[in-house]
Amino acid sequence: MNGILNMAAMFAFCFAGLAALSLVMERHYADIHGRGATPPAAVCRSLRMGGGLALLLAFSAALRGESIGHGIVLWLGGLTAAAIALVLLLSYAPRLTGRSTLLSAAFAMLTFLAA
């Protein structure tokens, strides 16, 4: 059961981290907040720090209970799956990206702490 929770936390952290890093880009930020909107510098710093932290937490969730080689492969697979999900979400429903990022981060923290 802990393995499933770790994988769910890893995927959710990967999705939240990649989504936060993508929202730093003016194009994706404007997709959510309206045409011509640019992220303020403080928001960019917060999103970059949060995205990097989420990816580090995803890596630690992947290594929990696994060997280092297996954990790295799991993490890379989680990054790939999260990137595909994020690309589809940004392509077809960009306004849902902000809410889904917050929900996935909250879910990731709950499952990470529960495992």
PDB file of N, CA and C in Angstrom:
ATOM      1  N   MET A   1       0.814  -1.202   0.000  1.00  0.00           N
ATOM      2  CA  MET A   1       0.000   0.000   0.000  1.00  0.00           C
ATOM      3  C   MET A   1       0.855   1.262   0.000  1.00  0.00           C
ATOM      4  N   ASN A   2       1.979   1.225   0.739  1.00  0.00           N
ATOM      5  CA  ASN A   2       2.854   2.398   0.765  1.00  0.00           C
ATOM      6  C   ASN A   2       3.450   2.687  -0.594  1.00  0.00           C
ATOM      7  N   GLY A   3       3.718   1.637  -1.383  1.00  0.00           N
ATOM      8  CA  GLY A   3       4.266   1.837  -2.710  1.00  0.00           C
ATOM      9  C   GLY A   3       3.304   2.584  -3.615  1.00  0.00           C
ATOM     10  N   ILE A   4       2.020   2.272  -3.499  1.00  0.00           N
ATOM     11  CA  ILE A   4       1.017   2.952  -4.314  1.00  0.00           C
ATOM     12  C   ILE A   4       0.891   4.418  -3.889  1.00  0.00           C
ATOM     13  N   LEU A   5       0.907   4.654  -2.585  1.00  0.00           N
ATOM     14  CA  LEU A   5       0.833   6.037  -2.108  1.00  0.00           C
ATOM     15  C   LEU A   5       2.061   6.837  -2.516  1.00  0.00           C
ATOM     16  N   ASN A   6       3.222   6.214  -2.467  1.00  0.00           N
ATOM     17  CA  ASN A   6       4.442   6.910  -2.907  1.00  0.00           C
ATOM     18  C   ASN A   6       4.391   7.255  -4.384  1.00  0.00           C
ATOM     19  N   MET A   7       3.882   6.328  -5.195  1.00  0.00           N
ATOM     20  CA  MET A   7       3.792   6.606  -6.637  1.00  0.00           C
ATOM     21  C   MET A   7       2.763   7.688  -6.929  1.00  0.00           C
ATOM     22  N   ALA A   8       1.639   7.680  -6.197  1.00  0.00           N
ATOM     23  CA  ALA A   8       0.634   8.724  -6.388  1.00  0.00           C
ATOM     24  C   ALA A   8       1.190  10.082  -5.975  1.00  0.00           C
ATOM     25  N   ALA A   9       1.903  10.117  -4.854  1.00  0.00           N
ATOM     26  CA  ALA A   9       2.517  11.371  -4.410  1.00  0.00           C
ATOM     27  C   ALA A   9       3.566  11.839  -5.406  1.00  0.00           C
ATOM     28  N   MET A  10       4.353  10.907  -5.933  1.00  0.00           N
ATOM     29  CA  MET A  10       5.382  11.268  -6.901  1.00  0.00           C
ATOM     30  C   MET A  10       4.758  11.885  -8.155  1.00  0.00           C
ATOM     31  N   PHE A  11       3.706  11.244  -8.679  1.00  0.00           N
ATOM     32  CA  PHE A  11       3.058  11.777  -9.882  1.00  0.00           C
ATOM     33  C   PHE A  11       2.451  13.146  -9.606  1.00  0.00           C
ATOM     34  N   ALA A  12       1.780  13.296  -8.475  1.00  0.00           N
ATOM     35  CA  ALA A  12       1.147  14.573  -8.156  1.00  0.00           C
ATOM     36  C   ALA A  12       2.195  15.673  -7.957  1.00  0.00           C
ATOM     37  N   PHE A  13       3.312  15.341  -7.302  1.00  0.00           N
ATOM     38  CA  PHE A  13       4.388  16.326  -7.147  1.00  0.00           C
ATOM     39  C   PHE A  13       4.988  16.682  -8.512  1.00  0.00           C
ATOM     40  N   CYS A  14       5.184  15.693  -9.369  1.00  0.00           N
ATOM     41  CA  CYS A  14       5.715  15.973 -10.713  1.00  0.00           C
ATOM     42  C   CYS A  14       4.778  16.894 -11.480  1.00  0.00           C
ATOM     43  N   PHE A  15       3.476  16.608 -11.422  1.00  0.00           N
ATOM     44  CA  PHE A  15       2.508  17.444 -12.136  1.00  0.00           C
ATOM     45  C   PHE A  15       2.504  18.862 -11.574  1.00  0.00           C
ATOM     46  N   ALA A  16       2.465  18.986 -10.255  1.00  0.00           N
ATOM     47  CA  ALA A  16       2.440  20.315  -9.638  1.00  0.00           C
ATOM     48  C   ALA A  16       3.718  21.094  -9.949  1.00  0.00           C
ATOM     49  N   GLY A  17       4.866  20.417  -9.894  1.00  0.00           N
ATOM     50  CA  GLY A  17       6.133  21.093 -10.182  1.00  0.00           C
ATOM     51  C   GLY A  17       6.236  21.553 -11.616  1.00  0.00           C
ATOM     52  N   LEU A  18       5.883  20.682 -12.541  1.00  0.00           N
ATOM     53  CA  LEU A  18       5.952  21.062 -13.953  1.00  0.00           C
ATOM     54  C   LEU A  18       4.936  22.144 -14.286  1.00  0.00           C
ATOM     55  N   ALA A  19       3.747  22.069 -13.683  1.00  0.00           N
ATOM     56  CA  ALA A  19       2.736  23.094 -13.931  1.00  0.00           C
ATOM     57  C   ALA A  19       3.187  24.443 -13.379  1.00  0.00           C
ATOM     58  N   ALA A  20       3.777  24.452 -12.198  1.00  0.00           N
ATOM     59  CA  ALA A  20       4.272  25.705 -11.628  1.00  0.00           C
ATOM     60  C   ALA A  20       5.366  26.298 -12.502  1.00  0.00           C
ATOM     61  N   LEU A  21       6.256  25.453 -12.997  1.00  0.00           N
ATOM     62  CA  LEU A  21       7.326  25.960 -13.862  1.00  0.00           C
ATOM     63  C   LEU A  21       6.785  26.448 -15.204  1.00  0.00           C
ATOM     64  N   SER A  22       5.714  25.822 -15.699  1.00  0.00           N
ATOM     65  CA  SER A  22       5.152  26.281 -16.970  1.00  0.00           C
ATOM     66  C   SER A  22       4.396  27.597 -16.808  1.00  0.00           C
ATOM     67  N   LEU A  23       3.813  27.834 -15.629  1.00  0.00           N
ATOM     68  CA  LEU A  23       3.077  29.083 -15.415  1.00  0.00           C
ATOM     69  C   LEU A  23       4.000  30.289 -15.300  1.00  0.00           C
ATOM     70  N   VAL A  24       5.295  30.070 -15.166  1.00  0.00           N
ATOM     71  CA  VAL A  24       6.247  31.186 -15.172  1.00  0.00           C
ATOM     72  C   VAL A  24       6.353  31.777 -16.579  1.00  0.00           C
ATOM     73  N   MET A  25       6.115  30.945 -17.573  1.00  0.00           N
ATOM     74  CA  MET A  25       6.186  31.421 -18.958  1.00  0.00           C
ATOM     75  C   MET A  25       5.018  32.364 -19.232  1.00  0.00           C
ATOM     76  N   GLU A  26       5.306  33.476 -19.911  1.00  0.00           N
ATOM     77  CA  GLU A  26       4.272  34.474 -20.181  1.00  0.00           C
ATOM     78  C   GLU A  26       3.127  33.906 -21.000  1.00  0.00           C
ATOM     79  N   ARG A  27       3.422  33.013 -21.911  1.00  0.00           N
ATOM     80  CA  ARG A  27       2.390  32.446 -22.773  1.00  0.00           C
ATOM     81  C   ARG A  27       1.362  31.663 -21.970  1.00  0.00           C
ATOM     82  N   HIS A  28       1.821  30.795 -21.092  1.00  0.00           N
ATOM     83  CA  HIS A  28       0.904  29.979 -20.307  1.00  0.00           C
ATOM     84  C   HIS A  28       0.225  30.801 -19.212  1.00  0.00           C
ATOM     85  N   TYR A  29       0.926  31.770 -18.663  1.00  0.00           N
ATOM     86  CA  TYR A  29       0.322  32.659 -17.672  1.00  0.00           C
ATOM     87  C   TYR A  29      -0.813  33.453 -18.314  1.00  0.00           C
ATOM     88  N   ALA A  30      -0.607  33.920 -19.546  1.00  0.00           N
ATOM     89  CA  ALA A  30      -1.643  34.676 -20.258  1.00  0.00           C
ATOM     90  C   ALA A  30      -2.817  33.783 -20.634  1.00  0.00           C
ATOM     91  N   ASP A  31      -2.572  32.505 -20.885  1.00  0.00           N
ATOM     92  CA  ASP A  31      -3.675  31.588 -21.183  1.00  0.00           C
ATOM     93  C   ASP A  31      -4.650  31.497 -20.018  1.00  0.00           C
ATOM     94  N   ILE A  32      -4.135  31.600 -18.819  1.00  0.00           N
ATOM     95  CA  ILE A  32      -4.968  31.464 -17.630  1.00  0.00           C
ATOM     96  C   ILE A  32      -5.554  32.805 -17.194  1.00  0.00           C
ATOM     97  N   HIS A  33      -4.744  33.867 -17.221  1.00  0.00           N
ATOM     98  CA  HIS A  33      -5.149  35.150 -16.659  1.00  0.00           C
ATOM     99  C   HIS A  33      -5.590  36.174 -17.697  1.00  0.00           C
ATOM    100  N   GLY A  34      -5.684  35.811 -18.927  1.00  0.00           N
ATOM    101  CA  GLY A  34      -6.140  36.728 -19.960  1.00  0.00           C
ATOM    102  C   GLY A  34      -5.006  37.220 -20.841  1.00  0.00           C
ATOM    103  N   ARG A  35      -5.388  37.612 -22.018  1.00  0.00           N
ATOM    104  CA  ARG A  35      -4.420  38.041 -23.024  1.00  0.00           C
ATOM    105  C   ARG A  35      -3.640  39.268 -22.536  1.00  0.00           C
ATOM    106  N   GLY A  36      -2.336  39.230 -22.707  1.00  0.00           N
ATOM    107  CA  GLY A  36      -1.484  40.347 -22.348  1.00  0.00           C
ATOM    108  C   GLY A  36      -1.038  40.365 -20.898  1.00  0.00           C
ATOM    109  N   ALA A  37      -1.526  39.433 -20.080  1.00  0.00           N
ATOM    110  CA  ALA A  37      -1.125  39.396 -18.675  1.00  0.00           C
ATOM    111  C   ALA A  37       0.278  38.817 -18.555  1.00  0.00           C
ATOM    112  N   THR A  38       1.085  39.445 -17.743  1.00  0.00           N
ATOM    113  CA  THR A  38       2.433  38.928 -17.478  1.00  0.00           C
ATOM    114  C   THR A  38       2.576  38.695 -15.978  1.00  0.00           C
ATOM    115  N   PRO A  39       3.284  37.647 -15.613  1.00  0.00           N
ATOM    116  CA  PRO A  39       3.434  37.367 -14.175  1.00  0.00           C
ATOM    117  C   PRO A  39       4.383  38.363 -13.516  1.00  0.00           C
ATOM    118  N   PRO A  40       4.019  38.875 -12.339  1.00  0.00           N
ATOM    119  CA  PRO A  40       4.948  39.757 -11.612  1.00  0.00           C
ATOM    120  C   PRO A  40       6.209  38.998 -11.195  1.00  0.00           C
ATOM    121  N   ALA A  41       7.253  39.736 -10.918  1.00  0.00           N
ATOM    122  CA  ALA A  41       8.543  39.127 -10.582  1.00  0.00           C
ATOM    123  C   ALA A  41       8.447  38.272  -9.321  1.00  0.00           C
ATOM    124  N   ALA A  42       7.696  38.725  -8.340  1.00  0.00           N
ATOM    125  CA  ALA A  42       7.559  37.949  -7.097  1.00  0.00           C
ATOM    126  C   ALA A  42       6.833  36.632  -7.346  1.00  0.00           C
ATOM    127  N   VAL A  43       5.836  36.675  -8.212  1.00  0.00           N
ATOM    128  CA  VAL A  43       5.104  35.449  -8.558  1.00  0.00           C
ATOM    129  C   VAL A  43       6.018  34.491  -9.311  1.00  0.00           C
ATOM    130  N   CYS A  44       6.828  35.018 -10.212  1.00  0.00           N
ATOM    131  CA  CYS A  44       7.771  34.165 -10.954  1.00  0.00           C
ATOM    132  C   CYS A  44       8.746  33.477 -10.015  1.00  0.00           C
ATOM    133  N   ARG A  45       9.294  34.216  -9.071  1.00  0.00           N
ATOM    134  CA  ARG A  45      10.218  33.611  -8.112  1.00  0.00           C
ATOM    135  C   ARG A  45       9.520  32.535  -7.285  1.00  0.00           C
ATOM    136  N   SER A  46       8.314  32.827  -6.824  1.00  0.00           N
ATOM    137  CA  SER A  46       7.573  31.849  -6.013  1.00  0.00           C
ATOM    138  C   SER A  46       7.258  30.590  -6.803  1.00  0.00           C
ATOM    139  N   LEU A  47       6.838  30.756  -8.049  1.00  0.00           N
ATOM    140  CA  LEU A  47       6.516  29.590  -8.877  1.00  0.00           C
ATOM    141  C   LEU A  47       7.759  28.766  -9.185  1.00  0.00           C
ATOM    142  N   ARG A  48       8.881  29.432  -9.447  1.00  0.00           N
ATOM    143  CA  ARG A  48      10.118  28.693  -9.710  1.00  0.00           C
ATOM    144  C   ARG A  48      10.576  27.912  -8.481  1.00  0.00           C
ATOM    145  N   MET A  49      10.532  28.560  -7.319  1.00  0.00           N
ATOM    146  CA  MET A  49      10.937  27.876  -6.091  1.00  0.00           C
ATOM    147  C   MET A  49       9.987  26.729  -5.767  1.00  0.00           C
ATOM    148  N   GLY A  50       8.692  26.978  -5.885  1.00  0.00           N
ATOM    149  CA  GLY A  50       7.708  25.941  -5.609  1.00  0.00           C
ATOM    150  C   GLY A  50       7.803  24.777  -6.585  1.00  0.00           C
ATOM    151  N   GLY A  51       8.019  25.083  -7.856  1.00  0.00           N
ATOM    152  CA  GLY A  51       8.161  24.028  -8.858  1.00  0.00           C
ATOM    153  C   GLY A  51       9.395  23.175  -8.618  1.00  0.00           C
ATOM    154  N   GLY A  52      10.506  23.825  -8.311  1.00  0.00           N
ATOM    155  CA  GLY A  52      11.728  23.078  -8.015  1.00  0.00           C
ATOM    156  C   GLY A  52      11.593  22.233  -6.766  1.00  0.00           C
ATOM    157  N   LEU A  53      10.969  22.785  -5.740  1.00  0.00           N
ATOM    158  CA  LEU A  53      10.750  22.030  -4.504  1.00  0.00           C
ATOM    159  C   LEU A  53       9.828  20.838  -4.746  1.00  0.00           C
ATOM    160  N   ALA A  54       8.791  21.032  -5.553  1.00  0.00           N
ATOM    161  CA  ALA A  54       7.875  19.929  -5.852  1.00  0.00           C
ATOM    162  C   ALA A  54       8.596  18.809  -6.610  1.00  0.00           C
ATOM    163  N   LEU A  55       9.482  19.164  -7.522  1.00  0.00           N
ATOM    164  CA  LEU A  55      10.219  18.137  -8.253  1.00  0.00           C
ATOM    165  C   LEU A  55      11.209  17.406  -7.340  1.00  0.00           C
ATOM    166  N   LEU A  56      11.803  18.113  -6.400  1.00  0.00           N
ATOM    167  CA  LEU A  56      12.681  17.447  -5.419  1.00  0.00           C
ATOM    168  C   LEU A  56      11.889  16.511  -4.510  1.00  0.00           C
ATOM    169  N   LEU A  57      10.709  16.941  -4.093  1.00  0.00           N
ATOM    170  CA  LEU A  57       9.863  16.075  -3.278  1.00  0.00           C
ATOM    171  C   LEU A  57       9.389  14.860  -4.073  1.00  0.00           C
ATOM    172  N   ALA A  58       9.147  15.046  -5.367  1.00  0.00           N
ATOM    173  CA  ALA A  58       8.776  13.918  -6.214  1.00  0.00           C
ATOM    174  C   ALA A  58       9.926  12.915  -6.297  1.00  0.00           C
ATOM    175  N   PHE A  59      11.137  13.430  -6.385  1.00  0.00           N
ATOM    176  CA  PHE A  59      12.303  12.550  -6.430  1.00  0.00           C
ATOM    177  C   PHE A  59      12.449  11.778  -5.126  1.00  0.00           C
ATOM    178  N   SER A  60      12.230  12.454  -4.006  1.00  0.00           N
ATOM    179  CA  SER A  60      12.334  11.757  -2.720  1.00  0.00           C
ATOM    180  C   SER A  60      11.213  10.741  -2.549  1.00  0.00           C
ATOM    181  N   ALA A  61      10.027  11.039  -3.076  1.00  0.00           N
ATOM    182  CA  ALA A  61       8.929  10.064  -3.017  1.00  0.00           C
ATOM    183  C   ALA A  61       9.243   8.851  -3.884  1.00  0.00           C
ATOM    184  N   ALA A  62       9.920   9.067  -5.005  1.00  0.00           N
ATOM    185  CA  ALA A  62      10.271   7.948  -5.882  1.00  0.00           C
ATOM    186  C   ALA A  62      11.335   7.060  -5.240  1.00  0.00           C
ATOM    187  N   LEU A  63      12.215   7.657  -4.444  1.00  0.00           N
ATOM    188  CA  LEU A  63      13.285   6.884  -3.810  1.00  0.00           C
ATOM    189  C   LEU A  63      12.846   6.171  -2.535  1.00  0.00           C
ATOM    190  N   ARG A  64      11.712   6.542  -1.986  1.00  0.00           N
ATOM    191  CA  ARG A  64      11.225   5.920  -0.750  1.00  0.00           C
ATOM    192  C   ARG A  64      10.955   4.443  -0.961  1.00  0.00           C
ATOM    193  N   GLY A  65      11.675   3.620  -0.245  1.00  0.00           N
ATOM    194  CA  GLY A  65      11.438   2.180  -0.304  1.00  0.00           C
ATOM    195  C   GLY A  65      11.931   1.497  -1.564  1.00  0.00           C
ATOM    196  N   GLU A  66      12.671   2.185  -2.397  1.00  0.00           N
ATOM    197  CA  GLU A  66      13.182   1.615  -3.646  1.00  0.00           C
ATOM    198  C   GLU A  66      14.700   1.769  -3.672  1.00  0.00           C
ATOM    199  N   SER A  67      15.334   0.993  -4.527  1.00  0.00           N
ATOM    200  CA  SER A  67      16.763   1.192  -4.730  1.00  0.00           C
ATOM    201  C   SER A  67      16.957   2.477  -5.538  1.00  0.00           C
ATOM    202  N   ILE A  68      18.173   2.998  -5.550  1.00  0.00           N
ATOM    203  CA  ILE A  68      18.405   4.282  -6.215  1.00  0.00           C
ATOM    204  C   ILE A  68      18.172   4.179  -7.717  1.00  0.00           C
ATOM    205  N   GLY A  69      18.579   3.089  -8.317  1.00  0.00           N
ATOM    206  CA  GLY A  69      18.376   2.929  -9.757  1.00  0.00           C
ATOM    207  C   GLY A  69      16.902   2.828 -10.116  1.00  0.00           C
ATOM    208  N   HIS A  70      16.174   2.046  -9.348  1.00  0.00           N
ATOM    209  CA  HIS A  70      14.748   1.890  -9.603  1.00  0.00           C
ATOM    210  C   HIS A  70      14.003   3.191  -9.316  1.00  0.00           C
ATOM    211  N   GLY A  71      14.405   3.915  -8.282  1.00  0.00           N
ATOM    212  CA  GLY A  71      13.774   5.182  -7.949  1.00  0.00           C
ATOM    213  C   GLY A  71      13.968   6.236  -9.033  1.00  0.00           C
ATOM    214  N   ILE A  72      15.154   6.275  -9.627  1.00  0.00           N
ATOM    215  CA  ILE A  72      15.410   7.239 -10.705  1.00  0.00           C
ATOM    216  C   ILE A  72      14.555   6.930 -11.914  1.00  0.00           C
ATOM    217  N   VAL A  73      14.432   5.653 -12.249  1.00  0.00           N
ATOM    218  CA  VAL A  73      13.592   5.271 -13.388  1.00  0.00           C
ATOM    219  C   VAL A  73      12.128   5.601 -13.111  1.00  0.00           C
ATOM    220  N   LEU A  74      11.666   5.351 -11.885  1.00  0.00           N
ATOM    221  CA  LEU A  74      10.294   5.713 -11.514  1.00  0.00           C
ATOM    222  C   LEU A  74      10.072   7.216 -11.622  1.00  0.00           C
ATOM    223  N   TRP A  75      11.044   7.995 -11.152  1.00  0.00           N
ATOM    224  CA  TRP A  75      10.921   9.449 -11.206  1.00  0.00           C
ATOM    225  C   TRP A  75      10.862   9.947 -12.649  1.00  0.00           C
ATOM    226  N   LEU A  76      11.714   9.416 -13.511  1.00  0.00           N
ATOM    227  CA  LEU A  76      11.698   9.830 -14.916  1.00  0.00           C
ATOM    228  C   LEU A  76      10.383   9.442 -15.593  1.00  0.00           C
ATOM    229  N   GLY A  77       9.852   8.271 -15.245  1.00  0.00           N
ATOM    230  CA  GLY A  77       8.556   7.871 -15.777  1.00  0.00           C
ATOM    231  C   GLY A  77       7.437   8.774 -15.269  1.00  0.00           C
ATOM    232  N   GLY A  78       7.504   9.144 -13.992  1.00  0.00           N
ATOM    233  CA  GLY A  78       6.515  10.071 -13.439  1.00  0.00           C
ATOM    234  C   GLY A  78       6.588  11.441 -14.085  1.00  0.00           C
ATOM    235  N   LEU A  79       7.806  11.915 -14.342  1.00  0.00           N
ATOM    236  CA  LEU A  79       7.965  13.196 -15.038  1.00  0.00           C
ATOM    237  C   LEU A  79       7.369  13.142 -16.435  1.00  0.00           C
ATOM    238  N   THR A  80       7.597  12.035 -17.126  1.00  0.00           N
ATOM    239  CA  THR A  80       7.067  11.890 -18.479  1.00  0.00           C
ATOM    240  C   THR A  80       5.549  11.862 -18.472  1.00  0.00           C
ATOM    241  N   ALA A  81       4.961  11.076 -17.587  1.00  0.00           N
ATOM    242  CA  ALA A  81       3.502  10.986 -17.511  1.00  0.00           C
ATOM    243  C   ALA A  81       2.887  12.323 -17.106  1.00  0.00           C
ATOM    244  N   ALA A  82       3.504  13.010 -16.158  1.00  0.00           N
ATOM    245  CA  ALA A  82       2.986  14.307 -15.732  1.00  0.00           C
ATOM    246  C   ALA A  82       3.115  15.346 -16.842  1.00  0.00           C
ATOM    247  N   ALA A  83       4.200  15.290 -17.593  1.00  0.00           N
ATOM    248  CA  ALA A  83       4.382  16.236 -18.696  1.00  0.00           C
ATOM    249  C   ALA A  83       3.325  16.021 -19.778  1.00  0.00           C
ATOM    250  N   ILE A  84       3.017  14.767 -20.075  1.00  0.00           N
ATOM    251  CA  ILE A  84       1.982  14.488 -21.074  1.00  0.00           C
ATOM    252  C   ILE A  84       0.626  14.996 -20.583  1.00  0.00           C
ATOM    253  N   ALA A  85       0.309  14.740 -19.310  1.00  0.00           N
ATOM    254  CA  ALA A  85      -0.959  15.224 -18.758  1.00  0.00           C
ATOM    255  C   ALA A  85      -1.021  16.741 -18.779  1.00  0.00           C
ATOM    256  N   LEU A  86       0.074  17.403 -18.457  1.00  0.00           N
ATOM    257  CA  LEU A  86       0.104  18.861 -18.433  1.00  0.00           C
ATOM    258  C   LEU A  86      -0.029  19.442 -19.838  1.00  0.00           C
ATOM    259  N   VAL A  87       0.631  18.847 -20.812  1.00  0.00           N
ATOM    260  CA  VAL A  87       0.526  19.331 -22.190  1.00  0.00           C
ATOM    261  C   VAL A  87      -0.910  19.213 -22.683  1.00  0.00           C
ATOM    262  N   LEU A  88      -1.554  18.101 -22.388  1.00  0.00           N
ATOM    263  CA  LEU A  88      -2.950  17.943 -22.799  1.00  0.00           C
ATOM    264  C   LEU A  88      -3.854  18.944 -22.088  1.00  0.00           C
ATOM    265  N   LEU A  89      -3.615  19.167 -20.814  1.00  0.00           N
ATOM    266  CA  LEU A  89      -4.435  20.122 -20.069  1.00  0.00           C
ATOM    267  C   LEU A  89      -4.222  21.550 -20.576  1.00  0.00           C
ATOM    268  N   LEU A  90      -2.982  21.925 -20.833  1.00  0.00           N
ATOM    269  CA  LEU A  90      -2.711  23.272 -21.338  1.00  0.00           C
ATOM    270  C   LEU A  90      -3.252  23.462 -22.757  1.00  0.00           C
ATOM    271  N   SER A  91      -3.327  22.383 -23.521  1.00  0.00           N
ATOM    272  CA  SER A  91      -3.825  22.487 -24.888  1.00  0.00           C
ATOM    273  C   SER A  91      -5.346  22.596 -24.946  1.00  0.00           C
ATOM    274  N   TYR A  92      -6.032  21.809 -24.138  1.00  0.00           N
ATOM    275  CA  TYR A  92      -7.480  21.715 -24.273  1.00  0.00           C
ATOM    276  C   TYR A  92      -8.260  22.450 -23.191  1.00  0.00           C
ATOM    277  N   ALA A  93      -7.710  22.660 -22.021  1.00  0.00           N
ATOM    278  CA  ALA A  93      -8.408  23.371 -20.945  1.00  0.00           C
ATOM    279  C   ALA A  93      -7.409  24.173 -20.125  1.00  0.00           C
ATOM    280  N   PRO A  94      -6.837  25.234 -20.713  1.00  0.00           N
ATOM    281  CA  PRO A  94      -5.763  25.945 -20.006  1.00  0.00           C
ATOM    282  C   PRO A  94      -6.212  26.618 -18.715  1.00  0.00           C
ATOM    283  N   ARG A  95      -7.470  27.012 -18.617  1.00  0.00           N
ATOM    284  CA  ARG A  95      -7.928  27.698 -17.401  1.00  0.00           C
ATOM    285  C   ARG A  95      -8.012  26.767 -16.191  1.00  0.00           C
ATOM    286  N   LEU A  96      -8.047  25.468 -16.428  1.00  0.00           N
ATOM    287  CA  LEU A  96      -8.079  24.508 -15.326  1.00  0.00           C
ATOM    288  C   LEU A  96      -6.700  24.233 -14.738  1.00  0.00           C
ATOM    289  N   THR A  97      -5.665  24.713 -15.391  1.00  0.00           N
ATOM    290  CA  THR A  97      -4.300  24.393 -14.965  1.00  0.00           C
ATOM    291  C   THR A  97      -3.985  24.939 -13.576  1.00  0.00           C
ATOM    292  N   GLY A  98      -4.380  26.157 -13.292  1.00  0.00           N
ATOM    293  CA  GLY A  98      -4.077  26.753 -11.989  1.00  0.00           C
ATOM    294  C   GLY A  98      -4.724  25.989 -10.848  1.00  0.00           C
ATOM    295  N   ARG A  99      -6.019  25.671 -11.003  1.00  0.00           N
ATOM    296  CA  ARG A  99      -6.720  24.929  -9.955  1.00  0.00           C
ATOM    297  C   ARG A  99      -6.199  23.510  -9.812  1.00  0.00           C
ATOM    298  N   SER A 100      -5.922  22.873 -10.939  1.00  0.00           N
ATOM    299  CA  SER A 100      -5.430  21.490 -10.872  1.00  0.00           C
ATOM    300  C   SER A 100      -4.029  21.434 -10.266  1.00  0.00           C
ATOM    301  N   THR A 101      -3.245  22.478 -10.442  1.00  0.00           N
ATOM    302  CA  THR A 101      -1.913  22.532  -9.820  1.00  0.00           C
ATOM    303  C   THR A 101      -2.037  22.578  -8.301  1.00  0.00           C
ATOM    304  N   LEU A 102      -2.918  23.422  -7.812  1.00  0.00           N
ATOM    305  CA  LEU A 102      -3.117  23.514  -6.366  1.00  0.00           C
ATOM    306  C   LEU A 102      -3.684  22.221  -5.796  1.00  0.00           C
ATOM    307  N   LEU A 103      -4.638  21.619  -6.496  1.00  0.00           N
ATOM    308  CA  LEU A 103      -5.221  20.364  -6.023  1.00  0.00           C
ATOM    309  C   LEU A 103      -4.200  19.235  -6.011  1.00  0.00           C
ATOM    310  N   SER A 104      -3.374  19.157  -7.047  1.00  0.00           N
ATOM    311  CA  SER A 104      -2.384  18.084  -7.092  1.00  0.00           C
ATOM    312  C   SER A 104      -1.304  18.288  -6.032  1.00  0.00           C
ATOM    313  N   ALA A 105      -0.946  19.539  -5.745  1.00  0.00           N
ATOM    314  CA  ALA A 105       0.037  19.792  -4.684  1.00  0.00           C
ATOM    315  C   ALA A 105      -0.523  19.399  -3.321  1.00  0.00           C
ATOM    316  N   ALA A 106      -1.790  19.731  -3.074  1.00  0.00           N
ATOM    317  CA  ALA A 106      -2.409  19.353  -1.798  1.00  0.00           C
ATOM    318  C   ALA A 106      -2.531  17.834  -1.679  1.00  0.00           C
ATOM    319  N   PHE A 107      -2.948  17.175  -2.758  1.00  0.00           N
ATOM    320  CA  PHE A 107      -3.059  15.718  -2.754  1.00  0.00           C
ATOM    321  C   PHE A 107      -1.696  15.076  -2.546  1.00  0.00           C
ATOM    322  N   ALA A 108      -0.673  15.628  -3.184  1.00  0.00           N
ATOM    323  CA  ALA A 108       0.671  15.077  -3.055  1.00  0.00           C
ATOM    324  C   ALA A 108       1.173  15.177  -1.620  1.00  0.00           C
ATOM    325  N   MET A 109       0.927  16.315  -0.981  1.00  0.00           N
ATOM    326  CA  MET A 109       1.384  16.462   0.398  1.00  0.00           C
ATOM    327  C   MET A 109       0.658  15.489   1.321  1.00  0.00           C
ATOM    328  N   LEU A 110      -0.643  15.320   1.115  1.00  0.00           N
ATOM    329  CA  LEU A 110      -1.399  14.394   1.961  1.00  0.00           C
ATOM    330  C   LEU A 110      -0.929  12.955   1.791  1.00  0.00           C
ATOM    331  N   THR A 111      -0.726  12.529   0.547  1.00  0.00           N
ATOM    332  CA  THR A 111      -0.293  11.139   0.324  1.00  0.00           C
ATOM    333  C   THR A 111       1.153  10.951   0.725  1.00  0.00           C
ATOM    334  N   PHE A 112       1.984  11.972   0.558  1.00  0.00           N
ATOM    335  CA  PHE A 112       3.390  11.868   0.956  1.00  0.00           C
ATOM    336  C   PHE A 112       3.515  11.703   2.470  1.00  0.00           C
ATOM    337  N   LEU A 113       2.706  12.451   3.203  1.00  0.00           N
ATOM    338  CA  LEU A 113       2.749  12.366   4.658  1.00  0.00           C
ATOM    339  C   LEU A 113       2.069  11.093   5.173  1.00  0.00           C
ATOM    340  N   ALA A 114       1.100  10.572   4.426  1.00  0.00           N
ATOM    341  CA  ALA A 114       0.390   9.370   4.854  1.00  0.00           C
ATOM    342  C   ALA A 114       1.212   8.104   4.618  1.00  0.00           C
ATOM    343  N   ALA A 115       2.092   8.146   3.630  1.00  0.00           N
ATOM    344  CA  ALA A 115       2.859   6.933   3.277  1.00  0.00           C
ATOM    345  C   ALA A 115       4.006   6.669   4.205  1.00  0.00           C
TER     346      ALA A 115
END
